[in-house]
């Protein structure tokens, strides 16, 4: 009799909605694929104090100027890369949507869409 193998389906959701202030200039770099990636830091204020989060955006990001208040919807990713003598990692938020908070209606729409997707996931 052979052992029975049961397939286990795992499902999860990786969702981030941030509203905060850009605290570092945008740095853009060209990837090996030829695509452009932009990074900056976004600071949010919590009960524990100010928290800074690295944000990564595919393409150029002209919205992220220092001092701008943004709404970012995306997911968390840990990225590994070679640095100096070894391998290091960075945990960042990969932005799928970035909207200036001065466009509150548009910011509300991207946040509502993300929460709707979360609700659909939880209802299954």
N, C-alpha and C. Protein backbone atom coordinates (compact mmCIF):
# COMPACT_ATOMS: atom_id res chain seq x y z
N UNK A 1 0.84 -1.18 0.00
CA UNK A 1 0.00 0.00 0.00
C UNK A 1 0.89 1.24 0.00
N UNK A 2 0.67 2.11 -0.95
CA UNK A 2 1.48 3.31 -1.02
C UNK A 2 0.88 4.40 -0.13
N UNK A 3 1.76 5.27 0.39
CA UNK A 3 1.24 6.34 1.24
C UNK A 3 0.38 7.30 0.43
N UNK A 4 -0.63 7.80 1.07
CA UNK A 4 -1.53 8.75 0.41
C UNK A 4 -1.00 10.17 0.60
N UNK A 5 -0.95 10.89 -0.49
CA UNK A 5 -0.51 12.28 -0.43
C UNK A 5 -1.72 13.16 -0.67
N UNK A 6 -1.97 14.02 0.25
CA UNK A 6 -3.10 14.94 0.12
C UNK A 6 -2.57 16.31 -0.25
N UNK A 7 -3.09 16.86 -1.32
CA UNK A 7 -2.69 18.21 -1.72
C UNK A 7 -3.32 19.20 -0.77
N UNK A 8 -2.51 20.08 -0.26
CA UNK A 8 -3.01 21.10 0.66
C UNK A 8 -2.97 22.43 -0.08
N UNK A 9 -4.12 23.02 -0.21
CA UNK A 9 -4.18 24.33 -0.85
C UNK A 9 -4.03 25.39 0.22
N UNK A 10 -3.12 26.28 -0.02
CA UNK A 10 -2.98 27.40 0.91
C UNK A 10 -3.33 28.66 0.15
N UNK A 11 -4.03 29.49 0.80
CA UNK A 11 -4.39 30.76 0.19
C UNK A 11 -4.07 31.86 1.18
N UNK A 12 -3.78 32.97 0.68
CA UNK A 12 -3.48 34.10 1.55
C UNK A 12 -3.68 35.38 0.80
N UNK A 13 -3.55 36.43 1.52
CA UNK A 13 -3.66 37.74 0.89
C UNK A 13 -2.57 38.63 1.44
N UNK A 14 -1.98 39.39 0.59
CA UNK A 14 -0.90 40.30 0.95
C UNK A 14 -1.35 41.67 0.47
N UNK A 15 -1.85 42.47 1.37
CA UNK A 15 -2.45 43.76 1.02
C UNK A 15 -1.95 44.85 1.95
N UNK A 16 -1.54 45.96 1.36
CA UNK A 16 -1.08 47.11 2.13
C UNK A 16 -1.80 48.34 1.61
N UNK A 17 -2.35 49.13 2.53
CA UNK A 17 -2.87 50.45 2.19
C UNK A 17 -2.18 51.42 3.13
N UNK A 18 -1.42 52.34 2.57
CA UNK A 18 -0.68 53.33 3.36
C UNK A 18 -1.09 54.73 2.95
N UNK A 19 -1.19 55.59 3.93
CA UNK A 19 -1.34 57.02 3.67
C UNK A 19 -0.27 57.69 4.50
N UNK A 20 0.61 58.42 3.83
CA UNK A 20 1.70 59.05 4.55
C UNK A 20 2.44 60.05 3.70
N UNK A 21 3.53 60.52 4.26
CA UNK A 21 4.33 61.59 3.65
C UNK A 21 5.63 61.02 3.09
N UNK A 22 5.97 61.41 1.88
CA UNK A 22 7.22 61.00 1.26
C UNK A 22 8.36 61.70 2.00
N UNK A 23 9.34 60.90 2.46
CA UNK A 23 10.42 61.48 3.27
C UNK A 23 11.79 61.41 2.61
N UNK A 24 11.88 60.80 1.44
CA UNK A 24 13.17 60.74 0.75
C UNK A 24 12.95 60.97 -0.74
N UNK A 25 13.96 61.51 -1.41
CA UNK A 25 13.82 61.70 -2.86
C UNK A 25 13.68 60.36 -3.58
N UNK A 26 12.99 60.38 -4.69
CA UNK A 26 12.81 59.17 -5.49
C UNK A 26 14.14 58.82 -6.15
N UNK A 27 14.49 57.55 -6.07
CA UNK A 27 15.68 57.03 -6.75
C UNK A 27 15.19 56.05 -7.81
N UNK A 28 15.51 56.31 -9.07
CA UNK A 28 15.11 55.42 -10.16
C UNK A 28 16.32 54.67 -10.66
N UNK A 29 16.13 53.40 -11.00
CA UNK A 29 17.22 52.62 -11.54
C UNK A 29 16.69 51.73 -12.66
N UNK A 30 17.57 51.40 -13.58
CA UNK A 30 17.22 50.51 -14.68
C UNK A 30 17.58 49.09 -14.29
N UNK A 31 16.60 48.21 -14.40
CA UNK A 31 16.81 46.80 -14.05
C UNK A 31 17.46 46.06 -15.21
N UNK A 32 17.96 44.86 -14.93
CA UNK A 32 18.60 44.05 -15.98
C UNK A 32 17.64 43.78 -17.14
N UNK A 33 16.34 43.74 -16.84
CA UNK A 33 15.33 43.50 -17.88
C UNK A 33 15.12 44.71 -18.79
N UNK A 34 15.67 45.86 -18.37
CA UNK A 34 15.47 47.08 -19.13
C UNK A 34 14.35 47.94 -18.56
N UNK A 35 13.55 47.38 -17.64
CA UNK A 35 12.48 48.14 -16.98
C UNK A 35 13.08 49.12 -15.98
N UNK A 36 12.29 50.10 -15.60
CA UNK A 36 12.70 51.07 -14.60
C UNK A 36 11.94 50.82 -13.31
N UNK A 37 12.63 50.92 -12.19
CA UNK A 37 12.00 50.82 -10.87
C UNK A 37 12.38 52.06 -10.08
N UNK A 38 11.42 52.59 -9.33
CA UNK A 38 11.65 53.77 -8.51
C UNK A 38 11.40 53.42 -7.05
N UNK A 39 12.19 54.00 -6.16
CA UNK A 39 12.01 53.76 -4.74
C UNK A 39 12.05 55.08 -3.97
N UNK A 40 11.35 55.10 -2.85
CA UNK A 40 11.39 56.23 -1.92
C UNK A 40 10.90 55.71 -0.57
N UNK A 41 10.92 56.55 0.43
CA UNK A 41 10.41 56.19 1.75
C UNK A 41 9.15 56.98 2.03
N UNK A 42 8.19 56.32 2.69
CA UNK A 42 6.92 56.94 3.07
C UNK A 42 6.80 56.80 4.57
N UNK A 43 6.50 57.89 5.26
CA UNK A 43 6.35 57.86 6.71
C UNK A 43 4.88 57.96 7.08
N UNK A 44 4.47 57.08 7.98
CA UNK A 44 3.12 57.12 8.53
C UNK A 44 3.23 57.40 10.02
N UNK A 45 2.16 57.87 10.61
CA UNK A 45 2.16 58.13 12.05
C UNK A 45 1.19 57.17 12.70
N UNK A 46 1.68 56.43 13.68
CA UNK A 46 0.85 55.48 14.43
C UNK A 46 0.87 55.90 15.90
N UNK A 47 0.15 55.16 16.72
CA UNK A 47 0.16 55.45 18.15
C UNK A 47 1.56 55.29 18.72
N UNK A 48 2.35 54.40 18.12
CA UNK A 48 3.71 54.16 18.60
C UNK A 48 4.70 55.21 18.09
N UNK A 49 4.26 56.07 17.20
CA UNK A 49 5.14 57.10 16.64
C UNK A 49 5.21 57.03 15.13
N UNK A 50 6.22 57.69 14.61
CA UNK A 50 6.41 57.77 13.16
C UNK A 50 7.10 56.49 12.66
N UNK A 51 6.57 55.91 11.59
CA UNK A 51 7.11 54.69 11.01
C UNK A 51 7.45 54.96 9.55
N UNK A 52 8.68 54.66 9.17
CA UNK A 52 9.11 54.86 7.79
C UNK A 52 9.11 53.53 7.05
N UNK A 53 8.58 53.54 5.84
CA UNK A 53 8.43 52.32 5.04
C UNK A 53 9.01 52.56 3.65
N UNK A 54 9.90 51.66 3.18
CA UNK A 54 10.39 51.79 1.80
C UNK A 54 9.31 51.37 0.81
N UNK A 55 9.14 52.17 -0.24
CA UNK A 55 8.15 51.92 -1.28
C UNK A 55 8.89 51.70 -2.60
N UNK A 56 8.44 50.71 -3.36
CA UNK A 56 9.01 50.44 -4.67
C UNK A 56 7.88 50.53 -5.70
N UNK A 57 8.14 51.22 -6.81
CA UNK A 57 7.15 51.41 -7.87
C UNK A 57 7.81 51.03 -9.19
N UNK A 58 7.12 50.21 -9.98
CA UNK A 58 7.65 49.91 -11.31
C UNK A 58 7.43 51.13 -12.20
N UNK A 59 8.46 51.53 -12.89
CA UNK A 59 8.39 52.71 -13.74
C UNK A 59 8.83 53.96 -13.00
N UNK A 60 8.71 55.07 -13.67
CA UNK A 60 9.04 56.36 -13.08
C UNK A 60 7.89 56.79 -12.18
N UNK A 61 8.20 57.44 -11.08
CA UNK A 61 7.16 57.91 -10.16
C UNK A 61 7.36 59.39 -9.91
N UNK A 62 6.66 60.21 -10.68
CA UNK A 62 6.81 61.66 -10.54
C UNK A 62 5.91 62.23 -9.44
N UNK A 63 5.04 61.41 -8.84
CA UNK A 63 4.16 61.87 -7.77
C UNK A 63 4.88 61.95 -6.43
N UNK A 64 5.93 61.18 -6.27
CA UNK A 64 6.58 61.04 -4.97
C UNK A 64 7.68 62.07 -4.78
N UNK A 65 7.30 63.30 -4.53
CA UNK A 65 8.27 64.33 -4.19
C UNK A 65 8.30 64.46 -2.68
N UNK A 66 9.45 64.80 -2.13
CA UNK A 66 9.58 64.91 -0.68
C UNK A 66 8.53 65.88 -0.14
N UNK A 67 7.81 65.42 0.89
CA UNK A 67 6.76 66.24 1.51
C UNK A 67 5.36 65.95 0.98
N UNK A 68 5.27 65.26 -0.16
CA UNK A 68 3.95 64.95 -0.74
C UNK A 68 3.24 63.91 0.13
N UNK A 69 1.93 64.07 0.28
CA UNK A 69 1.13 63.09 1.00
C UNK A 69 0.48 62.17 -0.02
N UNK A 70 0.73 60.86 0.10
CA UNK A 70 0.27 59.88 -0.88
C UNK A 70 -0.57 58.79 -0.24
N UNK A 71 -1.42 58.20 -1.07
CA UNK A 71 -2.12 56.96 -0.73
C UNK A 71 -1.49 55.89 -1.62
N UNK A 72 -0.99 54.83 -0.99
CA UNK A 72 -0.33 53.75 -1.71
C UNK A 72 -1.06 52.45 -1.42
N UNK A 73 -1.41 51.72 -2.47
CA UNK A 73 -2.00 50.39 -2.33
C UNK A 73 -1.05 49.41 -3.01
N UNK A 74 -0.69 48.35 -2.30
CA UNK A 74 0.23 47.38 -2.86
C UNK A 74 0.37 46.16 -1.98
N UNK A 75 1.57 45.58 -1.98
CA UNK A 75 1.82 44.37 -1.20
C UNK A 75 3.25 44.40 -0.66
N UNK A 76 3.51 43.58 0.36
CA UNK A 76 4.83 43.49 0.99
C UNK A 76 5.65 42.42 0.27
N UNK A 77 6.92 42.74 0.04
CA UNK A 77 7.82 41.79 -0.60
C UNK A 77 9.19 41.88 0.09
N UNK A 78 9.81 40.72 0.27
CA UNK A 78 11.18 40.68 0.75
C UNK A 78 12.04 40.31 -0.44
N UNK A 79 12.99 41.17 -0.74
CA UNK A 79 13.82 41.01 -1.92
C UNK A 79 15.25 40.70 -1.49
N UNK A 80 15.88 39.74 -2.13
CA UNK A 80 17.26 39.36 -1.84
C UNK A 80 18.16 39.81 -2.99
N UNK A 81 19.34 40.29 -2.65
CA UNK A 81 20.28 40.73 -3.69
C UNK A 81 21.70 40.65 -3.16
N UNK A 82 22.64 40.61 -4.10
CA UNK A 82 24.05 40.58 -3.71
C UNK A 82 24.50 41.99 -3.37
N UNK A 83 25.26 42.06 -2.27
CA UNK A 83 25.77 43.36 -1.83
C UNK A 83 27.13 43.14 -1.17
N UNK A 84 28.15 43.71 -1.75
CA UNK A 84 29.48 43.54 -1.18
C UNK A 84 29.91 42.09 -1.19
N UNK A 85 30.16 41.54 0.01
CA UNK A 85 30.69 40.19 0.11
C UNK A 85 29.62 39.11 0.23
N UNK A 86 28.35 39.51 0.32
CA UNK A 86 27.33 38.48 0.54
C UNK A 86 25.98 38.86 -0.02
N UNK A 87 25.00 38.15 0.49
CA UNK A 87 23.62 38.38 0.09
C UNK A 87 22.91 39.12 1.22
N UNK A 88 22.14 40.09 0.87
CA UNK A 88 21.37 40.84 1.86
C UNK A 88 19.92 40.91 1.40
N UNK A 89 19.04 41.42 2.25
CA UNK A 89 17.64 41.50 1.87
C UNK A 89 17.05 42.84 2.28
N UNK A 90 15.91 43.13 1.69
CA UNK A 90 15.18 44.36 2.00
C UNK A 90 13.70 44.04 1.94
N UNK A 91 12.98 44.44 2.94
CA UNK A 91 11.53 44.29 2.93
C UNK A 91 10.95 45.63 2.52
N UNK A 92 10.05 45.61 1.56
CA UNK A 92 9.51 46.85 1.01
C UNK A 92 8.06 46.65 0.62
N UNK A 93 7.37 47.75 0.41
CA UNK A 93 6.02 47.72 -0.12
C UNK A 93 6.12 47.97 -1.62
N UNK A 94 5.59 47.05 -2.40
CA UNK A 94 5.55 47.21 -3.85
C UNK A 94 4.22 47.88 -4.17
N UNK A 95 4.28 49.09 -4.67
CA UNK A 95 3.08 49.87 -4.94
C UNK A 95 2.45 49.46 -6.26
N UNK A 96 1.17 49.13 -6.22
CA UNK A 96 0.41 48.86 -7.44
C UNK A 96 -0.36 50.10 -7.87
N UNK A 97 -0.73 50.93 -6.90
CA UNK A 97 -1.41 52.20 -7.18
C UNK A 97 -0.86 53.26 -6.25
N UNK A 98 -0.58 54.43 -6.81
CA UNK A 98 -0.09 55.58 -6.03
C UNK A 98 -0.91 56.79 -6.43
N UNK A 99 -1.54 57.44 -5.44
CA UNK A 99 -2.39 58.59 -5.71
C UNK A 99 -2.08 59.69 -4.69
N UNK A 100 -1.93 60.93 -5.15
CA UNK A 100 -1.74 62.02 -4.19
C UNK A 100 -3.02 62.20 -3.36
N UNK A 101 -2.86 62.48 -2.08
CA UNK A 101 -4.02 62.63 -1.21
C UNK A 101 -4.84 63.87 -1.54
N UNK A 102 -4.30 64.78 -2.32
CA UNK A 102 -5.12 65.93 -2.74
C UNK A 102 -6.23 65.47 -3.69
N UNK A 103 -6.08 64.27 -4.25
CA UNK A 103 -7.12 63.66 -5.08
C UNK A 103 -7.85 62.61 -4.23
N UNK A 104 -8.55 63.07 -3.22
CA UNK A 104 -9.17 62.19 -2.23
C UNK A 104 -10.18 61.22 -2.84
N UNK A 105 -10.92 61.64 -3.84
CA UNK A 105 -11.91 60.75 -4.46
C UNK A 105 -11.18 59.57 -5.11
N UNK A 106 -10.11 59.85 -5.83
CA UNK A 106 -9.35 58.79 -6.48
C UNK A 106 -8.67 57.90 -5.43
N UNK A 107 -8.15 58.48 -4.36
CA UNK A 107 -7.53 57.70 -3.28
C UNK A 107 -8.58 56.79 -2.64
N UNK A 108 -9.76 57.31 -2.41
CA UNK A 108 -10.84 56.51 -1.83
C UNK A 108 -11.18 55.34 -2.75
N UNK A 109 -11.18 55.56 -4.06
CA UNK A 109 -11.51 54.50 -5.02
C UNK A 109 -10.49 53.37 -5.00
N UNK A 110 -9.19 53.71 -4.98
CA UNK A 110 -8.19 52.63 -4.99
C UNK A 110 -8.21 51.85 -3.67
N UNK A 111 -8.45 52.54 -2.56
CA UNK A 111 -8.55 51.85 -1.27
C UNK A 111 -9.80 50.98 -1.23
N UNK A 112 -10.92 51.49 -1.73
CA UNK A 112 -12.17 50.72 -1.73
C UNK A 112 -12.04 49.48 -2.60
N UNK A 113 -11.38 49.61 -3.75
CA UNK A 113 -11.17 48.46 -4.65
C UNK A 113 -10.34 47.39 -3.94
N UNK A 114 -9.31 47.80 -3.22
CA UNK A 114 -8.47 46.85 -2.49
C UNK A 114 -9.26 46.16 -1.39
N UNK A 115 -10.08 46.92 -0.68
CA UNK A 115 -10.89 46.33 0.39
C UNK A 115 -11.98 45.42 -0.16
N UNK A 116 -12.50 45.76 -1.33
CA UNK A 116 -13.49 44.90 -1.98
C UNK A 116 -12.87 43.56 -2.35
N UNK A 117 -11.65 43.60 -2.87
CA UNK A 117 -10.93 42.36 -3.19
C UNK A 117 -10.69 41.53 -1.93
N UNK A 118 -10.37 42.21 -0.84
CA UNK A 118 -10.18 41.52 0.43
C UNK A 118 -11.48 40.87 0.89
N UNK A 119 -12.59 41.59 0.78
CA UNK A 119 -13.89 41.05 1.18
C UNK A 119 -14.25 39.82 0.36
N UNK A 120 -14.01 39.88 -0.94
CA UNK A 120 -14.28 38.74 -1.81
C UNK A 120 -13.45 37.53 -1.40
N UNK A 121 -12.20 37.78 -1.04
CA UNK A 121 -11.31 36.70 -0.60
C UNK A 121 -11.83 36.08 0.71
N UNK A 122 -12.25 36.91 1.64
CA UNK A 122 -12.72 36.42 2.93
C UNK A 122 -14.06 35.71 2.83
N UNK A 123 -14.86 36.04 1.82
CA UNK A 123 -16.17 35.42 1.66
C UNK A 123 -16.11 34.06 0.97
N UNK A 124 -14.96 33.68 0.43
CA UNK A 124 -14.87 32.39 -0.27
C UNK A 124 -14.58 31.26 0.68
